[in-house]
């Protein structure tokens, strides 16, 4: 995947609908705050809507306590979303219908490959760490093997789009990714499918999220095309790193947000997003913070990478 040049920037938008979609596998951390703040401000600055979706489709990894903690943190930091919270765990029927539509068109196939077999294929890994699929089962299952997962056929697909922060992005899906999973071997619908179905049904027009998900976007655009769904505008924000140069995440033991003192963290998030807040903003109220942040928001100031 190649990323080049400057992004396109939004000026006026008569209808804007964005969203924030955390996974309730643990509490929000500072990297989550940067993503939530950027997506919310980009919507509110043009008078748009901002929705909240809990990406809890992977039930074994998600907990009610984590979802409650996320909602509490967002409320403590002054976030206000439109409508009720959407829960992926309640939407299996919609995902099954989308997969069924692709099956009817012959665009997916069952796959018997294990993770070990894929790792041993020696084709390498995609930019997000997933194994590049060697096409083992695309023309039929090996003798004596049962299908474990469902994969989307990727032929000579070349995806190009302009990210509003990262600039021009190109991906040769066939060589860089291969046929990718839509339903896992354990029966769980894959992230690529559920996010495409959810965004389309919710009428999302703009997706603002962390650049750690940039590698997923070509797959999602291709899947949107396969399902006849619209493609939103994308903006991928800089990823916050820890002292070891790792992305802040639950896996790298990122500290949870401090919900007792939200202002200092909100102002720090603005700095990461390149927004140049005044020094005294940290001493303001939450209402004053949001008023300043919304009225001064500029995606043109957002850097492609977080400052070191």
C-alpha atoms as a PDB file:
ATOM      1  CA  UNK A   1       0.000   0.000   0.000  1.00  0.00           C
ATOM      2  CA  UNK A   2       1.337   3.433  -0.944  1.00  0.00           C
ATOM      3  CA  UNK A   3       0.446   6.678   0.819  1.00  0.00           C
ATOM      4  CA  UNK A   4       1.410   9.921  -0.890  1.00  0.00           C
ATOM      5  CA  UNK A   5       0.798  13.625  -0.753  1.00  0.00           C
ATOM      6  CA  UNK A   6      -1.491  15.976   1.096  1.00  0.00           C
ATOM      7  CA  UNK A   7      -5.069  15.231   1.954  1.00  0.00           C
ATOM      8  CA  UNK A   8      -8.220  16.921   0.754  1.00  0.00           C
ATOM      9  CA  UNK A   9      -9.926  19.198   3.265  1.00  0.00           C
ATOM     10  CA  UNK A  10     -13.579  19.766   3.979  1.00  0.00           C
ATOM     11  CA  UNK A  11     -14.970  23.291   3.747  1.00  0.00           C
ATOM     12  CA  UNK A  12     -18.766  23.067   3.734  1.00  0.00           C
ATOM     13  CA  UNK A  13     -20.935  20.033   4.198  1.00  0.00           C
ATOM     14  CA  UNK A  14     -24.751  20.249   4.051  1.00  0.00           C
ATOM     15  CA  UNK A  15     -25.117  16.735   5.458  1.00  0.00           C
ATOM     16  CA  UNK A  16     -22.370  15.167   7.526  1.00  0.00           C
ATOM     17  CA  UNK A  17     -22.775  12.047   9.647  1.00  0.00           C
ATOM     18  CA  UNK A  18     -19.740  10.722  11.488  1.00  0.00           C
ATOM     19  CA  UNK A  19     -19.229   8.146  14.219  1.00  0.00           C
ATOM     20  CA  UNK A  20     -16.957   6.821  16.931  1.00  0.00           C
ATOM     21  CA  UNK A  21     -16.821   3.045  17.241  1.00  0.00           C
ATOM     22  CA  UNK A  22     -14.815   1.703  20.199  1.00  0.00           C
ATOM     23  CA  UNK A  23     -14.486  -1.982  21.062  1.00  0.00           C
ATOM     24  CA  UNK A  24     -15.487  -2.705  24.696  1.00  0.00           C
ATOM     25  CA  UNK A  25     -12.510  -4.941  25.428  1.00  0.00           C
ATOM     26  CA  UNK A  26     -11.125  -2.523  28.016  1.00  0.00           C
ATOM     27  CA  UNK A  27     -11.214   1.147  29.070  1.00  0.00           C
ATOM     28  CA  UNK A  28     -10.509   4.068  26.772  1.00  0.00           C
ATOM     29  CA  UNK A  29      -6.924   5.363  26.791  1.00  0.00           C
ATOM     30  CA  UNK A  30      -5.313   8.544  25.464  1.00  0.00           C
ATOM     31  CA  UNK A  31      -5.059   7.186  21.915  1.00  0.00           C
ATOM     32  CA  UNK A  32      -8.794   6.467  22.000  1.00  0.00           C
ATOM     33  CA  UNK A  33      -9.406  10.032  23.197  1.00  0.00           C
ATOM     34  CA  UNK A  34      -7.491  11.489  20.246  1.00  0.00           C
ATOM     35  CA  UNK A  35      -9.578   9.441  17.797  1.00  0.00           C
ATOM     36  CA  UNK A  36     -12.866  10.274  19.536  1.00  0.00           C
ATOM     37  CA  UNK A  37     -12.078  13.974  19.778  1.00  0.00           C
ATOM     38  CA  UNK A  38     -10.970  14.293  16.151  1.00  0.00           C
ATOM     39  CA  UNK A  39     -14.018  12.482  14.815  1.00  0.00           C
ATOM     40  CA  UNK A  40     -16.416  14.463  17.009  1.00  0.00           C
ATOM     41  CA  UNK A  41     -14.899  17.860  16.231  1.00  0.00           C
ATOM     42  CA  UNK A  42     -14.815  17.182  12.496  1.00  0.00           C
ATOM     43  CA  UNK A  43     -18.560  16.502  12.583  1.00  0.00           C
ATOM     44  CA  UNK A  44     -19.597  19.273  14.962  1.00  0.00           C
ATOM     45  CA  UNK A  45     -17.501  21.938  13.215  1.00  0.00           C
ATOM     46  CA  UNK A  46     -19.744  21.678  10.142  1.00  0.00           C
ATOM     47  CA  UNK A  47     -22.982  21.184  12.057  1.00  0.00           C
ATOM     48  CA  UNK A  48     -22.993  17.444  11.420  1.00  0.00           C
ATOM     49  CA  UNK A  49     -24.181  14.457  13.402  1.00  0.00           C
ATOM     50  CA  UNK A  50     -21.901  12.245  15.478  1.00  0.00           C
ATOM     51  CA  UNK A  51     -22.997   8.710  16.349  1.00  0.00           C
ATOM     52  CA  UNK A  52     -21.670   6.168  18.822  1.00  0.00           C
ATOM     53  CA  UNK A  53     -21.368   2.460  18.050  1.00  0.00           C
ATOM     54  CA  UNK A  54     -20.061  -0.291  20.319  1.00  0.00           C
ATOM     55  CA  UNK A  55     -18.095  -2.777  18.230  1.00  0.00           C
ATOM     56  CA  UNK A  56     -18.865  -5.747  20.471  1.00  0.00           C
ATOM     57  CA  UNK A  57     -19.392  -8.383  17.779  1.00  0.00           C
ATOM     58  CA  UNK A  58     -16.435 -10.394  19.126  1.00  0.00           C
ATOM     59  CA  UNK A  59     -18.320 -11.487  22.234  1.00  0.00           C
ATOM     60  CA  UNK A  60     -15.527 -13.516  23.889  1.00  0.00           C
ATOM     61  CA  UNK A  61     -13.317 -10.407  24.063  1.00  0.00           C
ATOM     62  CA  UNK A  62     -15.963  -7.837  25.030  1.00  0.00           C
ATOM     63  CA  UNK A  63     -17.504  -7.181  28.435  1.00  0.00           C
ATOM     64  CA  UNK A  64     -20.436  -5.209  29.774  1.00  0.00           C
ATOM     65  CA  UNK A  65     -18.142  -3.596  32.355  1.00  0.00           C
ATOM     66  CA  UNK A  66     -15.838  -2.300  29.624  1.00  0.00           C
ATOM     67  CA  UNK A  67     -18.793  -0.883  27.664  1.00  0.00           C
ATOM     68  CA  UNK A  68     -20.080   0.860  30.786  1.00  0.00           C
ATOM     69  CA  UNK A  69     -16.610   2.286  31.470  1.00  0.00           C
ATOM     70  CA  UNK A  70     -16.396   3.658  27.922  1.00  0.00           C
ATOM     71  CA  UNK A  71     -19.789   5.333  28.185  1.00  0.00           C
ATOM     72  CA  UNK A  72     -18.850   6.819  31.563  1.00  0.00           C
ATOM     73  CA  UNK A  73     -15.556   8.157  30.221  1.00  0.00           C
ATOM     74  CA  UNK A  74     -17.143   9.759  27.169  1.00  0.00           C
ATOM     75  CA  UNK A  75     -19.738  11.427  29.370  1.00  0.00           C
ATOM     76  CA  UNK A  76     -17.092  12.644  31.839  1.00  0.00           C
ATOM     77  CA  UNK A  77     -15.126  14.227  28.979  1.00  0.00           C
ATOM     78  CA  UNK A  78     -18.178  16.081  27.662  1.00  0.00           C
ATOM     79  CA  UNK A  79     -18.845  14.039  24.532  1.00  0.00           C
ATOM     80  CA  UNK A  80     -22.462  14.135  23.345  1.00  0.00           C
ATOM     81  CA  UNK A  81     -23.626  11.782  20.615  1.00  0.00           C
ATOM     82  CA  UNK A  82     -26.770  11.797  18.511  1.00  0.00           C
ATOM     83  CA  UNK A  83     -29.389   9.097  18.973  1.00  0.00           C
ATOM     84  CA  UNK A  84     -28.956   5.892  20.926  1.00  0.00           C
ATOM     85  CA  UNK A  85     -25.838   3.744  21.086  1.00  0.00           C
ATOM     86  CA  UNK A  86     -25.661   1.053  18.391  1.00  0.00           C
ATOM     87  CA  UNK A  87     -24.493  -2.429  19.433  1.00  0.00           C
ATOM     88  CA  UNK A  88     -22.964  -4.792  16.898  1.00  0.00           C
ATOM     89  CA  UNK A  89     -23.877  -7.796  19.050  1.00  0.00           C
ATOM     90  CA  UNK A  90     -27.522  -7.166  18.140  1.00  0.00           C
ATOM     91  CA  UNK A  91     -26.937  -7.142  14.384  1.00  0.00           C
ATOM     92  CA  UNK A  92     -25.914 -10.658  13.358  1.00  0.00           C
ATOM     93  CA  UNK A  93     -28.921 -10.896  11.040  1.00  0.00           C
ATOM     94  CA  UNK A  94     -27.739  -7.895   9.022  1.00  0.00           C
ATOM     95  CA  UNK A  95     -24.241  -9.339   8.660  1.00  0.00           C
ATOM     96  CA  UNK A  96     -25.581 -12.749   7.678  1.00  0.00           C
ATOM     97  CA  UNK A  97     -27.773 -11.103   5.032  1.00  0.00           C
ATOM     98  CA  UNK A  98     -24.791  -9.286   3.527  1.00  0.00           C
ATOM     99  CA  UNK A  99     -22.730 -12.476   3.464  1.00  0.00           C
ATOM    100  CA  UNK A 100     -25.671 -14.307   1.904  1.00  0.00           C
ATOM    101  CA  UNK A 101     -25.898 -11.666  -0.812  1.00  0.00           C
ATOM    102  CA  UNK A 102     -22.238 -12.225  -1.663  1.00  0.00           C
ATOM    103  CA  UNK A 103     -22.673 -16.007  -1.630  1.00  0.00           C
ATOM    104  CA  UNK A 104     -25.535 -15.769  -4.122  1.00  0.00           C
ATOM    105  CA  UNK A 105     -23.246 -13.853  -6.463  1.00  0.00           C
ATOM    106  CA  UNK A 106     -20.373 -16.323  -6.086  1.00  0.00           C
ATOM    107  CA  UNK A 107     -18.152 -13.639  -4.588  1.00  0.00           C
ATOM    108  CA  UNK A 108     -17.179 -15.590  -1.467  1.00  0.00           C
ATOM    109  CA  UNK A 109     -15.942 -19.123  -0.824  1.00  0.00           C
ATOM    110  CA  UNK A 110     -15.409 -21.427   2.171  1.00  0.00           C
ATOM    111  CA  UNK A 111     -11.830 -21.824   3.373  1.00  0.00           C
ATOM    112  CA  UNK A 112     -10.314 -24.728   5.339  1.00  0.00           C
ATOM    113  CA  UNK A 113      -6.910 -23.129   6.009  1.00  0.00           C
ATOM    114  CA  UNK A 114      -5.594 -22.833   9.553  1.00  0.00           C
ATOM    115  CA  UNK A 115      -3.489 -19.950  10.856  1.00  0.00           C
ATOM    116  CA  UNK A 116      -0.441 -22.221  10.898  1.00  0.00           C
ATOM    117  CA  UNK A 117      -0.953 -23.152   7.259  1.00  0.00           C
ATOM    118  CA  UNK A 118      -1.268 -19.500   6.293  1.00  0.00           C
ATOM    119  CA  UNK A 119       1.842 -18.591   8.267  1.00  0.00           C
ATOM    120  CA  UNK A 120       3.727 -21.367   6.456  1.00  0.00           C
ATOM    121  CA  UNK A 121       2.651 -20.154   3.000  1.00  0.00           C
ATOM    122  CA  UNK A 122       5.633 -17.756   2.892  1.00  0.00           C
ATOM    123  CA  UNK A 123       3.722 -15.071   1.032  1.00  0.00           C
ATOM    124  CA  UNK A 124       4.347 -12.678   3.891  1.00  0.00           C
ATOM    125  CA  UNK A 125       1.914 -10.466   5.758  1.00  0.00           C
ATOM    126  CA  UNK A 126      -0.228  -7.478   4.859  1.00  0.00           C
ATOM    127  CA  UNK A 127       0.509  -4.051   6.340  1.00  0.00           C
ATOM    128  CA  UNK A 128      -1.867  -4.756   9.241  1.00  0.00           C
ATOM    129  CA  UNK A 129      -0.114  -8.011  10.147  1.00  0.00           C
ATOM    130  CA  UNK A 130      -2.612 -10.434   8.583  1.00  0.00           C
ATOM    131  CA  UNK A 131      -1.207 -13.262   6.450  1.00  0.00           C
ATOM    132  CA  UNK A 132      -1.479 -12.726   2.702  1.00  0.00           C
ATOM    133  CA  UNK A 133      -3.831 -15.436   1.477  1.00  0.00           C
ATOM    134  CA  UNK A 134      -2.254 -17.841  -1.056  1.00  0.00           C
ATOM    135  CA  UNK A 135      -5.574 -18.811  -2.682  1.00  0.00           C
ATOM    136  CA  UNK A 136      -5.531 -22.410  -1.455  1.00  0.00           C
ATOM    137  CA  UNK A 137      -9.316 -22.895  -1.300  1.00  0.00           C
ATOM    138  CA  UNK A 138     -10.618 -20.357  -3.801  1.00  0.00           C
ATOM    139  CA  UNK A 139     -11.219 -23.019  -6.476  1.00  0.00           C
ATOM    140  CA  UNK A 140     -12.584 -25.641  -4.082  1.00  0.00           C
ATOM    141  CA  UNK A 141     -11.833 -27.211  -0.725  1.00  0.00           C
ATOM    142  CA  UNK A 142      -8.984 -29.727  -0.502  1.00  0.00           C
ATOM    143  CA  UNK A 143     -10.123 -33.357  -0.331  1.00  0.00           C
ATOM    144  CA  UNK A 144     -11.347 -34.336   3.102  1.00  0.00           C
ATOM    145  CA  UNK A 145     -11.340 -30.786   4.447  1.00  0.00           C
ATOM    146  CA  UNK A 146     -14.332 -28.745   5.640  1.00  0.00           C
ATOM    147  CA  UNK A 147     -14.745 -25.013   5.218  1.00  0.00           C
ATOM    148  CA  UNK A 148     -13.911 -23.139   8.432  1.00  0.00           C
ATOM    149  CA  UNK A 149     -14.161 -19.510   7.335  1.00  0.00           C
ATOM    150  CA  UNK A 150     -15.674 -17.525   4.478  1.00  0.00           C
ATOM    151  CA  UNK A 151     -13.431 -15.366   2.294  1.00  0.00           C
ATOM    152  CA  UNK A 152     -14.170 -12.658  -0.263  1.00  0.00           C
ATOM    153  CA  UNK A 153     -12.677 -13.242  -3.713  1.00  0.00           C
ATOM    154  CA  UNK A 154     -10.121 -10.581  -4.599  1.00  0.00           C
ATOM    155  CA  UNK A 155      -9.072 -10.666  -8.233  1.00  0.00           C
ATOM    156  CA  UNK A 156      -6.992  -7.986  -9.902  1.00  0.00           C
ATOM    157  CA  UNK A 157      -8.361  -5.266  -7.635  1.00  0.00           C
ATOM    158  CA  UNK A 158      -6.557  -1.935  -7.351  1.00  0.00           C
ATOM    159  CA  UNK A 159      -8.077   0.506  -4.859  1.00  0.00           C
ATOM    160  CA  UNK A 160      -7.265   4.218  -4.835  1.00  0.00           C
ATOM    161  CA  UNK A 161      -8.684   6.961  -2.633  1.00  0.00           C
ATOM    162  CA  UNK A 162      -7.693  10.320  -1.176  1.00  0.00           C
ATOM    163  CA  UNK A 163      -7.544  10.419   2.590  1.00  0.00           C
ATOM    164  CA  UNK A 164      -8.269  13.848   4.041  1.00  0.00           C
ATOM    165  CA  UNK A 165      -5.207  13.636   6.317  1.00  0.00           C
ATOM    166  CA  UNK A 166      -2.877  11.015   4.839  1.00  0.00           C
ATOM    167  CA  UNK A 167      -3.304  12.006   1.187  1.00  0.00           C
ATOM    168  CA  UNK A 168      -3.459   9.707  -1.836  1.00  0.00           C
ATOM    169  CA  UNK A 169      -3.555   5.997  -0.986  1.00  0.00           C
ATOM    170  CA  UNK A 170      -3.133   3.095  -3.411  1.00  0.00           C
ATOM    171  CA  UNK A 171      -3.409  -0.626  -2.711  1.00  0.00           C
ATOM    172  CA  UNK A 172      -3.056  -3.645  -4.964  1.00  0.00           C
ATOM    173  CA  UNK A 173      -5.436  -5.847  -3.004  1.00  0.00           C
ATOM    174  CA  UNK A 174      -4.690  -9.033  -4.940  1.00  0.00           C
ATOM    175  CA  UNK A 175      -0.960  -8.997  -4.230  1.00  0.00           C
ATOM    176  CA  UNK A 176      -0.903  -7.145  -0.905  1.00  0.00           C
ATOM    177  CA  UNK A 177      -3.843  -8.846   0.827  1.00  0.00           C
ATOM    178  CA  UNK A 178      -5.436 -11.618  -1.214  1.00  0.00           C
ATOM    179  CA  UNK A 179      -8.861 -13.092  -0.511  1.00  0.00           C
ATOM    180  CA  UNK A 180      -9.784 -11.864   2.973  1.00  0.00           C
ATOM    181  CA  UNK A 181     -12.022 -13.267   5.706  1.00  0.00           C
ATOM    182  CA  UNK A 182     -15.599 -12.104   6.171  1.00  0.00           C
ATOM    183  CA  UNK A 183     -16.636 -14.757   8.676  1.00  0.00           C
ATOM    184  CA  UNK A 184     -14.092 -16.393  10.920  1.00  0.00           C
ATOM    185  CA  UNK A 185     -13.678 -20.074  11.629  1.00  0.00           C
ATOM    186  CA  UNK A 186     -15.267 -19.571  15.068  1.00  0.00           C
ATOM    187  CA  UNK A 187     -18.412 -18.170  13.431  1.00  0.00           C
ATOM    188  CA  UNK A 188     -17.755 -14.530  14.354  1.00  0.00           C
ATOM    189  CA  UNK A 189     -18.308 -12.030  11.538  1.00  0.00           C
ATOM    190  CA  UNK A 190     -15.062 -10.264  10.677  1.00  0.00           C
ATOM    191  CA  UNK A 191     -14.383  -6.600  11.319  1.00  0.00           C
ATOM    192  CA  UNK A 192     -14.188  -5.745   7.613  1.00  0.00           C
ATOM    193  CA  UNK A 193     -17.744  -6.953   6.975  1.00  0.00           C
ATOM    194  CA  UNK A 194     -19.464  -5.620  10.080  1.00  0.00           C
ATOM    195  CA  UNK A 195     -18.023  -2.124   9.835  1.00  0.00           C
ATOM    196  CA  UNK A 196     -19.048  -1.800   6.174  1.00  0.00           C
ATOM    197  CA  UNK A 197     -22.594  -3.011   6.854  1.00  0.00           C
ATOM    198  CA  UNK A 198     -22.981  -0.840   9.966  1.00  0.00           C
ATOM    199  CA  UNK A 199     -21.635   2.351   8.376  1.00  0.00           C
ATOM    200  CA  UNK A 200     -23.901   1.974   5.353  1.00  0.00           C
ATOM    201  CA  UNK A 201     -27.033   1.273   7.389  1.00  0.00           C
ATOM    202  CA  UNK A 202     -26.314   4.228   9.684  1.00  0.00           C
ATOM    203  CA  UNK A 203     -25.811   6.540   6.709  1.00  0.00           C
ATOM    204  CA  UNK A 204     -22.241   7.440   7.701  1.00  0.00           C
ATOM    205  CA  UNK A 205     -20.806   9.968   5.252  1.00  0.00           C
ATOM    206  CA  UNK A 206     -17.407  10.605   6.874  1.00  0.00           C
ATOM    207  CA  UNK A 207     -15.132   8.257   8.790  1.00  0.00           C
ATOM    208  CA  UNK A 208     -12.493   9.860  11.002  1.00  0.00           C
ATOM    209  CA  UNK A 209     -10.387   7.317  12.891  1.00  0.00           C
ATOM    210  CA  UNK A 210      -6.814   6.370  13.764  1.00  0.00           C
ATOM    211  CA  UNK A 211      -4.228   5.697  11.078  1.00  0.00           C
ATOM    212  CA  UNK A 212      -3.736   2.208  12.525  1.00  0.00           C
ATOM    213  CA  UNK A 213      -6.886   1.349  10.545  1.00  0.00           C
ATOM    214  CA  UNK A 214      -5.657   2.859   7.280  1.00  0.00           C
ATOM    215  CA  UNK A 215      -4.593  -0.569   5.967  1.00  0.00           C
ATOM    216  CA  UNK A 216      -8.168  -1.830   6.393  1.00  0.00           C
ATOM    217  CA  UNK A 217      -9.690   0.923   4.279  1.00  0.00           C
ATOM    218  CA  UNK A 218      -8.896  -0.495   0.797  1.00  0.00           C
ATOM    219  CA  UNK A 219     -10.552  -3.760   1.847  1.00  0.00           C
ATOM    220  CA  UNK A 220     -13.606  -1.922   3.094  1.00  0.00           C
ATOM    221  CA  UNK A 221     -13.896   0.173  -0.070  1.00  0.00           C
ATOM    222  CA  UNK A 222     -13.703  -2.953  -2.219  1.00  0.00           C
ATOM    223  CA  UNK A 223     -16.333  -4.654  -0.062  1.00  0.00           C
ATOM    224  CA  UNK A 224     -18.576  -1.588  -0.334  1.00  0.00           C
ATOM    225  CA  UNK A 225     -18.355  -1.894  -4.095  1.00  0.00           C
ATOM    226  CA  UNK A 226     -19.171  -5.608  -3.976  1.00  0.00           C
ATOM    227  CA  UNK A 227     -22.284  -4.911  -1.893  1.00  0.00           C
ATOM    228  CA  UNK A 228     -23.345  -1.863  -3.908  1.00  0.00           C
ATOM    229  CA  UNK A 229     -22.907   0.464  -0.926  1.00  0.00           C
ATOM    230  CA  UNK A 230     -21.679   4.087  -0.909  1.00  0.00           C
ATOM    231  CA  UNK A 231     -18.103   4.862   0.065  1.00  0.00           C
ATOM    232  CA  UNK A 232     -17.689   7.501   2.806  1.00  0.00           C
ATOM    233  CA  UNK A 233     -14.924  10.086   2.897  1.00  0.00           C
ATOM    234  CA  UNK A 234     -12.000   8.989   5.063  1.00  0.00           C
ATOM    235  CA  UNK A 235      -9.605  10.826   7.361  1.00  0.00           C
ATOM    236  CA  UNK A 236      -7.039   8.831   9.328  1.00  0.00           C
ATOM    237  CA  UNK A 237      -5.643  10.651  12.348  1.00  0.00           C
ATOM    238  CA  UNK A 238      -2.099  10.262  13.704  1.00  0.00           C
ATOM    239  CA  UNK A 239      -1.580   7.301  16.011  1.00  0.00           C
ATOM    240  CA  UNK A 240      -0.292   8.068  19.504  1.00  0.00           C
ATOM    241  CA  UNK A 241       2.823   6.084  20.480  1.00  0.00           C
ATOM    242  CA  UNK A 242       4.260   5.210  23.866  1.00  0.00           C
ATOM    243  CA  UNK A 243       7.871   5.750  24.959  1.00  0.00           C
ATOM    244  CA  UNK A 244       8.878   2.476  23.287  1.00  0.00           C
ATOM    245  CA  UNK A 245       7.456   3.602  19.945  1.00  0.00           C
ATOM    246  CA  UNK A 246       4.462   1.268  20.209  1.00  0.00           C
ATOM    247  CA  UNK A 247       0.880   2.273  19.481  1.00  0.00           C
ATOM    248  CA  UNK A 248      -1.056   3.042  22.646  1.00  0.00           C
ATOM    249  CA  UNK A 249      -3.424   0.133  23.084  1.00  0.00           C
ATOM    250  CA  UNK A 250      -4.782  -2.317  25.598  1.00  0.00           C
ATOM    251  CA  UNK A 251      -2.137  -4.800  24.384  1.00  0.00           C
ATOM    252  CA  UNK A 252       0.681  -2.350  25.239  1.00  0.00           C
ATOM    253  CA  UNK A 253      -0.909  -1.672  28.649  1.00  0.00           C
ATOM    254  CA  UNK A 254      -1.922   1.914  27.911  1.00  0.00           C
ATOM    255  CA  UNK A 255      -3.225   3.677  31.023  1.00  0.00           C
ATOM    256  CA  UNK A 256      -6.971   4.289  31.210  1.00  0.00           C
ATOM    257  CA  UNK A 257      -8.232   7.843  30.890  1.00  0.00           C
ATOM    258  CA  UNK A 258      -8.490   9.779  34.140  1.00  0.00           C
ATOM    259  CA  UNK A 259     -12.156  10.743  34.244  1.00  0.00           C
ATOM    260  CA  UNK A 260     -11.641  13.010  37.270  1.00  0.00           C
ATOM    261  CA  UNK A 261      -9.410  15.468  35.397  1.00  0.00           C
ATOM    262  CA  UNK A 262     -10.572  15.496  31.774  1.00  0.00           C
ATOM    263  CA  UNK A 263      -9.483  18.994  30.689  1.00  0.00           C
ATOM    264  CA  UNK A 264      -5.717  18.456  30.702  1.00  0.00           C
ATOM    265  CA  UNK A 265      -6.130  15.289  28.636  1.00  0.00           C
ATOM    266  CA  UNK A 266      -8.508  16.966  26.183  1.00  0.00           C
ATOM    267  CA  UNK A 267      -6.071  19.834  25.668  1.00  0.00           C
ATOM    268  CA  UNK A 268      -3.216  17.367  25.184  1.00  0.00           C
ATOM    269  CA  UNK A 269      -5.310  15.572  22.564  1.00  0.00           C
ATOM    270  CA  UNK A 270      -5.807  18.881  20.746  1.00  0.00           C
ATOM    271  CA  UNK A 271      -2.023  19.326  20.636  1.00  0.00           C
ATOM    272  CA  UNK A 272      -1.617  15.858  19.095  1.00  0.00           C
ATOM    273  CA  UNK A 273      -4.211  16.896  16.513  1.00  0.00           C
ATOM    274  CA  UNK A 274      -2.231  20.053  15.727  1.00  0.00           C
ATOM    275  CA  UNK A 275      -4.967  22.448  16.870  1.00  0.00           C
ATOM    276  CA  UNK A 276      -2.840  25.017  18.790  1.00  0.00           C
ATOM    277  CA  UNK A 277      -5.093  25.606  21.807  1.00  0.00           C
ATOM    278  CA  UNK A 278      -4.376  28.658  23.998  1.00  0.00           C
ATOM    279  CA  UNK A 279      -2.457  27.985  27.208  1.00  0.00           C
ATOM    280  CA  UNK A 280      -5.363  28.987  29.447  1.00  0.00           C
ATOM    281  CA  UNK A 281      -7.804  26.539  27.836  1.00  0.00           C
ATOM    282  CA  UNK A 282      -6.727  23.916  30.349  1.00  0.00           C
ATOM    283  CA  UNK A 283      -8.153  26.137  33.110  1.00  0.00           C
ATOM    284  CA  UNK A 284     -11.556  26.522  31.439  1.00  0.00           C
ATOM    285  CA  UNK A 285     -14.761  24.577  31.943  1.00  0.00           C
ATOM    286  CA  UNK A 286     -15.750  21.617  29.802  1.00  0.00           C
ATOM    287  CA  UNK A 287     -18.357  23.756  28.036  1.00  0.00           C
ATOM    288  CA  UNK A 288     -15.746  26.412  27.264  1.00  0.00           C
ATOM    289  CA  UNK A 289     -13.320  23.781  26.012  1.00  0.00           C
ATOM    290  CA  UNK A 290     -15.848  22.310  23.596  1.00  0.00           C
ATOM    291  CA  UNK A 291     -16.965  25.718  22.390  1.00  0.00           C
ATOM    292  CA  UNK A 292     -13.373  26.712  21.559  1.00  0.00           C
ATOM    293  CA  UNK A 293     -12.435  23.336  20.083  1.00  0.00           C
ATOM    294  CA  UNK A 294     -15.444  23.175  17.760  1.00  0.00           C
ATOM    295  CA  UNK A 295     -15.167  26.769  16.556  1.00  0.00           C
ATOM    296  CA  UNK A 296     -11.414  26.494  15.898  1.00  0.00           C
ATOM    297  CA  UNK A 297     -11.267  22.981  14.459  1.00  0.00           C
ATOM    298  CA  UNK A 298      -9.148  22.662  11.308  1.00  0.00           C
ATOM    299  CA  UNK A 299      -8.406  19.319   9.728  1.00  0.00           C
ATOM    300  CA  UNK A 300      -5.739  21.095   7.658  1.00  0.00           C
ATOM    301  CA  UNK A 301      -3.659  21.413  10.838  1.00  0.00           C
ATOM    302  CA  UNK A 302      -3.784  17.715  11.696  1.00  0.00           C
ATOM    303  CA  UNK A 303      -0.375  16.079  11.103  1.00  0.00           C
ATOM    304  CA  UNK A 304      -0.015  12.752   9.342  1.00  0.00           C
ATOM    305  CA  UNK A 305       2.008  11.445  12.283  1.00  0.00           C
ATOM    306  CA  UNK A 306       1.825  12.288  15.965  1.00  0.00           C
ATOM    307  CA  UNK A 307       4.636  14.530  17.259  1.00  0.00           C
ATOM    308  CA  UNK A 308       7.389  12.658  19.094  1.00  0.00           C
END
